[in-house]
Protein backbone atom coordinates (compact mmCIF):
# COMPACT_ATOMS: atom_id res chain seq x y z
CA UNK A 1 12.70 -22.78 -4.50
CA UNK A 2 15.90 -22.35 -2.47
CA UNK A 3 18.79 -24.77 -2.86
CA UNK A 4 18.29 -26.60 0.45
CA UNK A 5 14.58 -27.14 -0.15
CA UNK A 6 15.34 -28.27 -3.70
CA UNK A 7 17.84 -30.82 -2.39
CA UNK A 8 15.33 -32.21 0.09
CA UNK A 9 12.60 -32.35 -2.55
CA UNK A 10 14.94 -34.20 -4.90
CA UNK A 11 15.72 -36.83 -2.29
CA UNK A 12 12.06 -37.36 -1.41
CA UNK A 13 11.24 -37.82 -5.10
CA UNK A 14 14.21 -39.96 -6.08
CA UNK A 15 15.21 -42.09 -3.09
CA UNK A 16 15.05 -45.79 -3.91
CA UNK A 17 15.47 -48.26 -1.04
CA UNK A 18 14.50 -51.43 -2.90
CA UNK A 19 18.04 -52.75 -2.41
CA UNK A 20 18.31 -51.57 1.21
CA UNK A 21 16.94 -54.54 3.12
CA UNK A 22 18.78 -53.28 6.20
CA UNK A 23 16.56 -50.19 6.25
CA UNK A 24 13.39 -52.02 5.24
CA UNK A 25 13.81 -54.64 7.98
CA UNK A 26 14.18 -51.93 10.64
CA UNK A 27 11.10 -50.17 9.24
CA UNK A 28 9.07 -53.39 9.48
CA UNK A 29 10.08 -54.02 13.10
CA UNK A 30 9.41 -50.36 13.88
CA UNK A 31 5.86 -50.63 12.52
CA UNK A 32 5.12 -53.69 14.65
CA UNK A 33 6.64 -51.95 17.66
CA UNK A 34 4.48 -48.90 16.90
CA UNK A 35 1.39 -51.12 17.01
CA UNK A 36 2.59 -52.73 20.24
CA UNK A 37 2.94 -49.25 21.74
CA UNK A 38 -0.46 -48.13 20.44
CA UNK A 39 -2.54 -51.12 21.52
CA UNK A 40 -2.19 -50.87 25.33
CA UNK A 41 -2.79 -47.10 25.27
CA UNK A 42 -6.20 -47.33 23.61
CA UNK A 43 -7.82 -48.29 26.92
CA UNK A 44 -6.39 -45.26 28.73
CA UNK A 45 -8.96 -42.67 29.80
CA UNK A 46 -7.18 -39.71 28.23
CA UNK A 47 -6.91 -41.54 24.90
CA UNK A 48 -10.60 -42.42 24.98
CA UNK A 49 -11.46 -38.82 25.90
CA UNK A 50 -9.52 -37.53 22.89
CA UNK A 51 -11.24 -40.06 20.66
CA UNK A 52 -14.63 -38.85 21.87
CA UNK A 53 -13.76 -35.16 21.47
CA UNK A 54 -12.29 -35.59 17.99
CA UNK A 55 -14.98 -37.99 16.84
CA UNK A 56 -12.54 -40.79 16.09
CA UNK A 57 -14.72 -43.22 18.03
CA UNK A 58 -17.44 -42.81 15.40
CA UNK A 59 -17.81 -42.99 11.64
CA UNK A 60 -16.61 -40.67 8.86
CA UNK A 61 -13.44 -39.74 10.68
CA UNK A 62 -11.29 -37.14 8.94
CA UNK A 63 -7.76 -38.08 7.97
CA UNK A 64 -6.34 -35.30 10.13
CA UNK A 65 -8.27 -36.42 13.20
CA UNK A 66 -7.22 -40.02 12.58
CA UNK A 67 -3.58 -38.93 12.56
CA UNK A 68 -4.12 -36.92 15.75
CA UNK A 69 -5.61 -39.91 17.53
CA UNK A 70 -2.97 -42.40 16.42
CA UNK A 71 -0.10 -40.03 17.23
CA UNK A 72 -1.43 -39.24 20.70
CA UNK A 73 -2.27 -42.86 21.51
CA UNK A 74 0.94 -44.41 20.21
CA UNK A 75 3.07 -42.00 22.27
CA UNK A 76 0.77 -41.84 25.29
CA UNK A 77 2.53 -44.49 27.39
CA UNK A 78 6.01 -43.46 26.18
CA UNK A 79 6.40 -47.07 25.03
CA UNK A 80 7.42 -46.15 21.47
CA UNK A 81 10.84 -45.97 19.83
CA UNK A 82 13.29 -43.07 20.07
CA UNK A 83 16.35 -41.92 18.13
CA UNK A 84 19.42 -40.08 19.36
CA UNK A 85 20.01 -37.57 16.54
CA UNK A 86 16.40 -36.47 16.64
CA UNK A 87 16.36 -36.62 20.45
CA UNK A 88 12.76 -37.66 19.97
CA UNK A 89 10.43 -40.25 18.52
CA UNK A 90 10.15 -41.23 14.83
CA UNK A 91 7.45 -43.84 14.48
CA UNK A 92 4.66 -42.33 16.55
CA UNK A 93 4.40 -39.37 14.16
CA UNK A 94 5.41 -40.98 10.87
CA UNK A 95 3.29 -44.11 11.00
CA UNK A 96 0.32 -42.20 12.40
CA UNK A 97 0.43 -39.75 9.49
CA UNK A 98 0.96 -42.49 6.91
CA UNK A 99 -1.91 -44.62 8.23
CA UNK A 100 -4.18 -41.59 7.94
CA UNK A 101 -3.45 -41.01 4.23
CA UNK A 102 -3.09 -44.66 3.22
CA UNK A 103 -5.06 -45.81 0.17
CA UNK A 104 -6.44 -49.38 -0.17
CA UNK A 105 -4.03 -50.28 -2.98
CA UNK A 106 -0.85 -48.97 -1.33
CA UNK A 107 1.92 -51.55 -1.22
CA UNK A 108 4.23 -52.38 1.65
CA UNK A 109 7.32 -51.18 -0.18
CA UNK A 110 5.86 -47.73 -0.82
CA UNK A 111 4.55 -47.48 2.76
CA UNK A 112 7.92 -48.43 4.27
CA UNK A 113 9.87 -46.30 1.79
CA UNK A 114 7.82 -43.27 2.86
CA UNK A 115 8.59 -44.02 6.51
CA UNK A 116 12.31 -44.37 5.78
CA UNK A 117 12.34 -41.03 3.93
CA UNK A 118 10.51 -39.25 6.75
CA UNK A 119 12.84 -40.77 9.35
CA UNK A 120 15.91 -39.88 7.30
CA UNK A 121 14.92 -36.24 7.02
CA UNK A 122 14.01 -36.00 10.71
CA UNK A 123 17.26 -37.61 11.83
CA UNK A 124 19.38 -35.37 9.60
CA UNK A 125 17.57 -32.28 10.82
CA UNK A 126 18.06 -33.46 14.40
CA UNK A 127 21.79 -33.96 13.82
CA UNK A 128 22.05 -30.37 12.59
CA UNK A 129 20.05 -28.59 15.31
CA UNK A 130 20.77 -30.66 18.42
CA UNK A 131 21.81 -30.54 21.20
CA UNK A 132 21.05 -26.80 21.19
CA UNK A 133 17.43 -27.35 20.10
CA UNK A 134 16.78 -29.77 22.95
CA UNK A 135 18.70 -27.66 25.47
CA UNK A 136 16.57 -24.63 24.57
CA UNK A 137 13.51 -26.65 25.60
CA UNK A 138 12.05 -27.78 22.28
CA UNK A 139 10.52 -31.24 21.89
CA UNK A 140 11.68 -32.40 18.47
CA UNK A 141 8.99 -35.09 18.23
CA UNK A 142 6.70 -32.14 17.57
CA UNK A 143 8.96 -29.51 16.05
CA UNK A 144 10.75 -31.80 13.58
CA UNK A 145 8.14 -34.55 13.47
CA UNK A 146 5.67 -32.47 11.52
CA UNK A 147 8.30 -31.93 8.79
CA UNK A 148 9.08 -35.63 8.69
CA UNK A 149 5.38 -36.39 8.46
CA UNK A 150 5.04 -34.09 5.46
CA UNK A 151 8.04 -35.68 3.76
CA UNK A 152 6.65 -39.17 4.34
CA UNK A 153 3.19 -38.19 3.08
CA UNK A 154 4.69 -36.52 0.03
CA UNK A 155 6.72 -39.65 -0.73
CA UNK A 156 3.74 -42.00 -0.33
CA UNK A 157 1.32 -39.86 -2.31
CA UNK A 158 3.80 -39.06 -5.04
CA UNK A 159 4.02 -35.29 -4.78
CA UNK A 160 6.66 -33.53 -6.88
CA UNK A 161 8.45 -30.25 -7.31
CA UNK A 162 6.77 -27.12 -6.00
CA UNK A 163 3.80 -29.07 -4.63
CA UNK A 164 6.19 -31.01 -2.42
CA UNK A 165 8.05 -27.84 -1.44
CA UNK A 166 4.75 -26.23 -0.41
CA UNK A 167 3.82 -29.27 1.65
CA UNK A 168 7.13 -29.05 3.52
CA UNK A 169 6.57 -25.31 3.88
CA UNK A 170 3.12 -25.68 5.46
CA UNK A 171 4.49 -28.33 7.81
CA UNK A 172 7.52 -26.26 8.81
CA UNK A 173 5.39 -23.22 9.68
CA UNK A 174 3.39 -25.43 12.10
CA UNK A 175 6.52 -26.62 13.93
CA UNK A 176 5.76 -26.72 17.66
CA UNK A 177 6.29 -28.62 20.89
CA UNK A 178 8.06 -27.71 24.13
CA UNK A 179 9.70 -30.09 26.52
CA UNK A 180 8.19 -28.62 29.67
CA UNK A 181 5.24 -30.89 28.82
CA UNK A 182 7.23 -34.04 29.64
CA UNK A 183 5.56 -36.01 32.39
CA UNK A 184 2.13 -34.77 31.32
CA UNK A 185 -0.42 -35.59 28.63
CA UNK A 186 0.89 -32.58 26.70
CA UNK A 187 3.95 -34.54 25.57
CA UNK A 188 2.09 -37.26 23.62
CA UNK A 189 -0.17 -34.52 22.28
CA UNK A 190 2.91 -33.15 20.48
CA UNK A 191 3.10 -36.39 18.50
CA UNK A 192 -0.59 -36.28 17.68
CA UNK A 193 -0.47 -32.65 16.58
CA UNK A 194 2.64 -33.22 14.45
CA UNK A 195 0.97 -36.12 12.62
CA UNK A 196 -2.31 -34.22 12.27
CA UNK A 197 -0.66 -31.04 11.01
CA UNK A 198 1.34 -32.95 8.42
CA UNK A 199 -1.87 -34.53 7.14
CA UNK A 200 -3.76 -31.24 7.32
CA UNK A 201 -1.04 -29.52 5.28
CA UNK A 202 -1.41 -32.21 2.63
CA UNK A 203 -5.19 -31.83 2.53
CA UNK A 204 -4.98 -28.03 2.30
CA UNK A 205 -2.83 -28.32 -0.79
CA UNK A 206 -4.91 -31.10 -2.33
CA UNK A 207 -8.36 -29.65 -1.78
CA UNK A 208 -7.96 -25.85 -1.74
CA UNK A 209 -6.33 -23.21 -3.89
CA UNK A 210 -4.05 -22.17 -1.05
CA UNK A 211 -0.49 -21.23 -2.10
CA UNK A 212 2.50 -21.00 0.24
CA UNK A 213 6.21 -20.22 0.14
CA UNK A 214 8.39 -22.72 -1.68
CA UNK A 215 11.47 -21.70 0.33
CA UNK A 216 10.94 -23.24 3.78
CA UNK A 217 14.63 -24.05 4.25
CA UNK A 218 16.12 -20.94 2.69
CA UNK A 219 19.58 -20.60 4.29
CA UNK A 220 19.11 -16.89 5.02
CA UNK A 221 15.63 -16.77 6.61
CA UNK A 222 14.13 -20.24 6.50
CA UNK A 223 13.27 -22.78 9.18
CA UNK A 224 16.82 -23.57 10.30
CA UNK A 225 17.73 -19.92 10.70
CA UNK A 226 14.48 -19.10 12.48
CA UNK A 227 14.29 -21.98 14.92
CA UNK A 228 17.99 -22.64 15.48
CA UNK A 229 19.82 -19.54 14.25
CA UNK A 230 22.06 -21.77 12.11
CA UNK A 231 22.93 -21.76 8.43
CA UNK A 232 22.36 -25.07 6.67
CA UNK A 233 23.55 -25.71 3.13
CA UNK A 234 22.63 -28.31 0.54
CA UNK A 235 25.86 -30.14 1.25
CA UNK A 236 24.80 -30.65 4.87
CA UNK A 237 21.88 -32.70 3.56
CA UNK A 238 23.74 -34.40 0.70
CA UNK A 239 26.63 -35.59 2.88
CA UNK A 240 24.27 -37.25 5.36
CA UNK A 241 21.47 -38.70 3.22
CA UNK A 242 21.30 -42.50 3.67
CA UNK A 243 24.95 -42.63 4.67
CA UNK A 244 24.21 -45.25 5.89
CA UNK A 245 20.75 -44.15 7.08
CA UNK A 246 19.26 -42.74 10.27
CA UNK A 247 17.51 -46.04 11.04
CA UNK A 248 20.93 -47.73 11.07
CA UNK A 249 23.23 -45.10 12.53
CA UNK A 250 22.48 -44.05 15.18
CA UNK A 251 19.47 -46.38 14.90
CA UNK A 252 16.32 -46.82 16.96
CA UNK A 253 15.92 -47.45 20.66
CA UNK A 254 12.89 -49.66 21.37
CA UNK A 255 11.44 -50.26 24.79
CA UNK A 256 10.29 -53.14 26.94
CA UNK A 257 8.93 -50.77 29.61
CA UNK A 258 7.03 -47.47 29.24
CA UNK A 259 9.55 -44.89 30.35
CA UNK A 260 12.06 -42.51 28.78
CA UNK A 261 14.72 -44.27 26.72
CA UNK A 262 17.45 -42.28 28.49
CA UNK A 263 16.80 -44.50 31.53
CA UNK A 264 17.01 -47.89 29.78
CA UNK A 265 20.68 -48.57 30.55
CA UNK A 266 20.32 -47.38 34.13
CA UNK A 267 17.33 -49.63 34.73
CA UNK A 268 19.16 -52.68 33.37
CA UNK A 269 22.24 -51.86 35.42
CA UNK A 270 20.07 -51.53 38.53
CA UNK A 271 18.48 -54.94 37.82
CA UNK A 272 21.90 -56.56 37.70
CA UNK A 273 22.93 -54.85 40.92
CA UNK A 274 19.69 -55.91 42.62
CA UNK A 275 20.26 -59.49 41.50
CA UNK A 276 23.78 -59.41 42.94
CA UNK A 277 22.60 -58.00 46.27
CA UNK A 278 19.76 -60.49 46.56
CA UNK A 279 21.99 -63.47 45.84
CA UNK A 280 25.52 -62.63 46.99
CA UNK A 281 25.43 -60.04 49.76
CA UNK A 282 27.12 -61.50 52.83
CA UNK A 283 24.07 -61.08 55.02
CA UNK A 284 21.19 -60.07 52.83
CA UNK A 285 19.80 -63.30 51.40
CA UNK A 286 19.34 -65.14 54.68
CA UNK A 287 18.14 -62.04 56.45
CA UNK A 288 15.51 -60.79 54.05
CA UNK A 289 14.62 -62.86 51.04
CA UNK A 290 13.59 -66.14 49.57
CA UNK A 291 14.96 -65.68 46.07
CA UNK A 292 15.11 -67.70 42.89
CA UNK A 293 16.42 -66.16 39.66
CA UNK A 294 14.47 -66.79 36.49
CA UNK A 295 17.26 -65.64 34.18
CA UNK A 296 17.64 -69.14 32.73
CA UNK A 297 14.18 -69.17 31.21
CA UNK A 298 13.86 -65.59 30.01
CA UNK A 299 17.46 -64.73 29.30
CA UNK A 300 17.03 -61.76 31.59
CA UNK A 301 18.30 -60.97 35.02
CA UNK A 302 14.92 -60.79 36.65
CA UNK A 303 13.87 -62.17 39.98
CA UNK A 304 11.04 -64.17 41.41
CA UNK A 305 11.30 -62.73 44.91
CA UNK A 306 9.11 -62.78 47.97
CA UNK A 307 9.83 -59.58 49.85
CA UNK A 308 9.96 -59.95 53.63
CA UNK A 309 11.51 -56.55 54.21
CA UNK A 310 12.44 -53.77 51.86
CA UNK A 311 15.91 -53.76 50.36
CA UNK A 312 15.81 -50.03 50.91
CA UNK A 313 16.08 -50.62 54.66
CA UNK A 314 19.66 -51.70 54.04
CA UNK A 315 20.67 -49.17 51.38
CA UNK A 316 22.82 -46.25 52.44
CA UNK A 317 23.05 -44.51 49.07
CA UNK A 318 22.78 -45.05 45.31
CA UNK A 319 24.79 -43.27 42.64
CA UNK A 320 23.73 -43.22 38.99
CA UNK A 321 26.64 -42.29 36.75
CA UNK A 322 26.11 -40.61 33.35
CA UNK A 323 28.22 -38.88 30.72
CA UNK A 324 27.66 -35.11 30.92
CA UNK A 325 24.26 -34.18 29.53
CA UNK A 326 23.13 -37.76 28.93
CA UNK A 327 20.28 -37.45 31.43
CA UNK A 328 18.75 -34.26 30.02
CA UNK A 329 15.45 -35.96 29.22
CA UNK A 330 15.25 -37.36 32.77
CA UNK A 331 14.18 -34.01 34.12
CA UNK A 332 12.51 -35.09 37.39
CA UNK A 333 14.72 -35.92 40.36
CA UNK A 334 11.83 -36.04 42.82
CA UNK A 335 8.70 -36.80 40.77
CA UNK A 336 5.28 -36.30 42.27
CA UNK A 337 3.19 -38.33 39.82
CA UNK A 338 3.75 -41.61 38.04
CA UNK A 339 3.75 -39.74 34.73
CA UNK A 340 6.62 -37.57 35.94
CA UNK A 341 8.28 -40.77 37.12
CA UNK A 342 8.60 -41.94 33.50
CA UNK A 343 11.22 -39.20 33.17
CA UNK A 344 13.03 -39.84 36.46
CA UNK A 345 15.98 -42.19 36.84
CA UNK A 346 15.42 -41.93 40.59
CA UNK A 347 11.91 -43.37 40.40
CA UNK A 348 12.93 -46.10 37.97
CA UNK A 349 15.95 -47.19 40.03
CA UNK A 350 13.82 -47.05 43.17
CA UNK A 351 11.38 -49.53 41.60
CA UNK A 352 14.07 -51.94 40.50
CA UNK A 353 15.74 -52.00 43.92
CA UNK A 354 12.40 -52.36 45.67
CA UNK A 355 10.83 -55.03 43.45
CA UNK A 356 13.64 -56.55 41.38
CA UNK A 357 12.24 -55.06 38.15
CA UNK A 358 10.37 -52.02 36.89
CA UNK A 359 6.65 -52.13 37.70
CA UNK A 360 4.79 -50.56 34.78
CA UNK A 361 1.61 -49.87 36.74
CA UNK A 362 3.50 -47.53 39.07
CA UNK A 363 3.77 -45.03 36.21
CA UNK A 364 0.00 -44.62 36.30
CA UNK A 365 -0.44 -43.55 39.92
CA UNK A 366 -1.67 -40.04 40.64
CA UNK A 367 0.64 -39.31 43.58
CA UNK A 368 3.90 -40.97 44.57
CA UNK A 369 3.95 -41.70 48.28
CA UNK A 370 6.20 -39.51 50.41
CA UNK A 371 8.02 -42.56 51.76
CA UNK A 372 9.01 -43.49 48.21
CA UNK A 373 10.24 -39.96 47.59
CA UNK A 374 12.30 -40.23 50.77
CA UNK A 375 13.98 -43.33 49.34
CA UNK A 376 14.62 -41.47 46.08
CA UNK A 377 16.45 -38.80 48.06
CA UNK A 378 19.18 -41.40 48.65
CA UNK A 379 19.84 -41.50 44.90
CA UNK A 380 22.30 -39.04 43.39
CA UNK A 381 23.49 -38.40 39.84
CA UNK A 382 27.16 -38.13 38.98
CA UNK A 383 28.56 -37.07 35.62
CA UNK A 384 31.85 -38.95 35.47
CA UNK A 385 31.44 -41.27 32.48
CA UNK A 386 32.94 -40.57 29.06
CA UNK A 387 30.72 -39.62 26.17
CA UNK A 388 29.87 -42.44 23.77
CA UNK A 389 28.72 -42.57 20.17
CA UNK A 390 25.14 -41.73 19.20
CA UNK A 391 24.44 -45.45 18.69
CA UNK A 392 25.05 -46.06 22.39
CA UNK A 393 24.14 -44.89 25.83
CA UNK A 394 26.11 -45.74 28.94
CA UNK A 395 25.02 -45.67 32.57
CA UNK A 396 26.59 -47.05 35.74
CA UNK A 397 24.70 -47.75 38.95
CA UNK A 398 26.51 -48.06 42.28
CA UNK A 399 24.67 -49.18 45.43
CA UNK A 400 26.30 -48.89 48.83
CA UNK A 401 24.69 -50.80 51.69
CA UNK A 402 24.71 -49.68 55.31
CA UNK A 403 27.08 -52.53 56.14
CA UNK A 404 29.64 -51.02 53.78
CA UNK A 405 29.25 -53.45 50.89
CA UNK A 406 29.24 -51.86 47.44
CA UNK A 407 27.72 -53.25 44.24
CA UNK A 408 28.13 -51.68 40.82
CA UNK A 409 27.22 -52.40 37.20
CA UNK A 410 27.74 -50.55 33.92
CA UNK A 411 25.47 -51.05 30.89
CA UNK A 412 25.85 -49.51 27.43
CA UNK A 413 24.07 -51.89 25.06
CA UNK A 414 20.85 -52.66 26.86
CA UNK A 415 18.00 -54.65 25.36
CA UNK A 416 16.25 -52.54 22.75
CA UNK A 417 19.33 -50.49 21.88
CA UNK A 418 20.53 -50.25 18.26
CA UNK A 419 23.35 -52.68 19.06
CA UNK A 420 21.02 -55.07 20.90
CA UNK A 421 17.69 -54.59 19.10
CA UNK A 422 14.32 -56.09 19.87
CA UNK A 423 13.55 -59.22 17.88
CA UNK A 424 10.23 -60.35 16.47
CA UNK A 425 9.85 -62.54 19.55
CA UNK A 426 10.36 -59.48 21.77
CA UNK A 427 7.65 -57.67 19.79
CA UNK A 428 5.36 -60.65 20.32
CA UNK A 429 5.93 -60.35 24.06
CA UNK A 430 5.16 -56.64 23.90
CA UNK A 431 1.97 -57.28 21.92
CA UNK A 432 1.14 -59.90 24.53
CA UNK A 433 0.59 -57.15 27.09
CA UNK A 434 -2.69 -56.48 25.27
CA UNK A 435 -3.46 -59.44 22.99
CA UNK A 436 -3.87 -63.18 23.32
CA UNK A 437 -1.38 -65.57 21.73
CA UNK A 438 -3.79 -66.64 18.97
CA UNK A 439 -4.47 -62.99 18.09
CA UNK A 440 -0.74 -62.33 17.82
CA UNK A 441 -0.33 -65.41 15.60
CA UNK A 442 -2.98 -64.12 13.20
CA UNK A 443 -1.45 -60.64 13.14
CA UNK A 444 2.05 -61.94 12.46
CA UNK A 445 0.79 -64.25 9.73
CA UNK A 446 -1.15 -61.42 8.06
CA UNK A 447 1.90 -59.17 8.25
CA UNK A 448 3.73 -61.30 5.68
CA UNK A 449 0.79 -62.56 3.62
CA UNK A 450 0.33 -59.89 0.90
CA UNK A 451 2.16 -57.09 -0.86
CA UNK A 452 -0.55 -54.59 0.08
CA UNK A 453 -0.96 -52.91 3.46
CA UNK A 454 -4.75 -52.78 3.66
CA UNK A 455 -5.37 -56.55 4.22
CA UNK A 456 -3.05 -56.38 7.22
CA UNK A 457 -4.91 -53.36 8.59
CA UNK A 458 -8.18 -55.27 8.22
CA UNK A 459 -6.72 -58.05 10.37
CA UNK A 460 -5.64 -55.50 12.97
CA UNK A 461 -9.15 -54.07 13.12
CA UNK A 462 -10.65 -57.54 13.53
CA UNK A 463 -8.26 -58.18 16.41
CA UNK A 464 -9.16 -54.86 18.05
CA UNK A 465 -5.84 -53.06 17.57
CA UNK A 466 -6.92 -50.27 15.20
CA UNK A 467 -10.14 -48.60 16.35
CA UNK A 468 -10.39 -45.77 13.82
């Protein structure tokens, strides 16, 4: 075993988070958010098609196929959490893999500890290989996620020494996922494959005589050298491990709408600008709208607006300001489909300025109308903001009307960001997109009722959240 692999194995074996309530509380919220991202996707045709093909809509489902289904479904709507060091998504892969290998007597602490370990390793790897890995076109949810899944499985199932090194080795050799799939069903498939391959690696080692290399992270010719052409030492891992923890710094971004997290600050800034135009423009309110803000009730700058004429009729141009490189994931400037629109700041800002808020259903349309794309042509990107820490994102939106009035707003700690995280009440609202209030009450009550995970999963199945 090489020194880097040995260091990682030691941490997986020895990490104790029983006194790290800060990490455990984030892991709990992340699991509920994972379920809230999974539930609305299970009615999507592509998710149901995968379930039928893989047999996960029947009985005697394999653990690997279960992980594939959960990973694909939980990432399908791009509603799940993201993390800046990874430049990808933790929970969709980790919780999908852990659910697949869960035993009836597993306790919450062990389940959450395994998630924390998987997330820690993924985030550290991401901090070492990015931004070059992302710039080269890799999708780390797949490439790094499979390694995190193996680490989490190894932690939960109590693997040690060379067995654990071989598990990491089998996962690392299955590292895959390319970002050209963003805006298509291929992107959530990366999450499903990463979870499945982590589980499959575990099953190969448990149920066959297969033997693999125990040097997956060898500094001279291991995974880091192969995939990133970089040399990583044991100290690179030691100096970062739980200091303070990837779930804390840079932390998780959670979503209230199903689009790329790189657009969250821009969308919120656009909402504030729209609110200002609707209510304070010298000529706009009386000319176009009957508007009443509902910010008092929801604590959000949303509108209850009756559109008489499109705000876009009065817009001359829109500028979305980013730090250099901060919009890399938003790869579509003129998306054709709603799926592509999930990765387009132009489409998201268009929606906010047209309707007062993002309209989730517009991400499901097959073809974006040409008139909408014409409006998006009035939106430009400008890279004139300073870089911020990995715990933050910053975006400014400037709207110039044809009458010369200009409105601008800058946002860097939007709702769902690590510095402004979703609360349990926010998760309830997200679950409410799929479930009734009484169902959510029963789920939340079951979540805190026992020390074991399985009784909670039984409640989820009764309420129709887990179908396999």
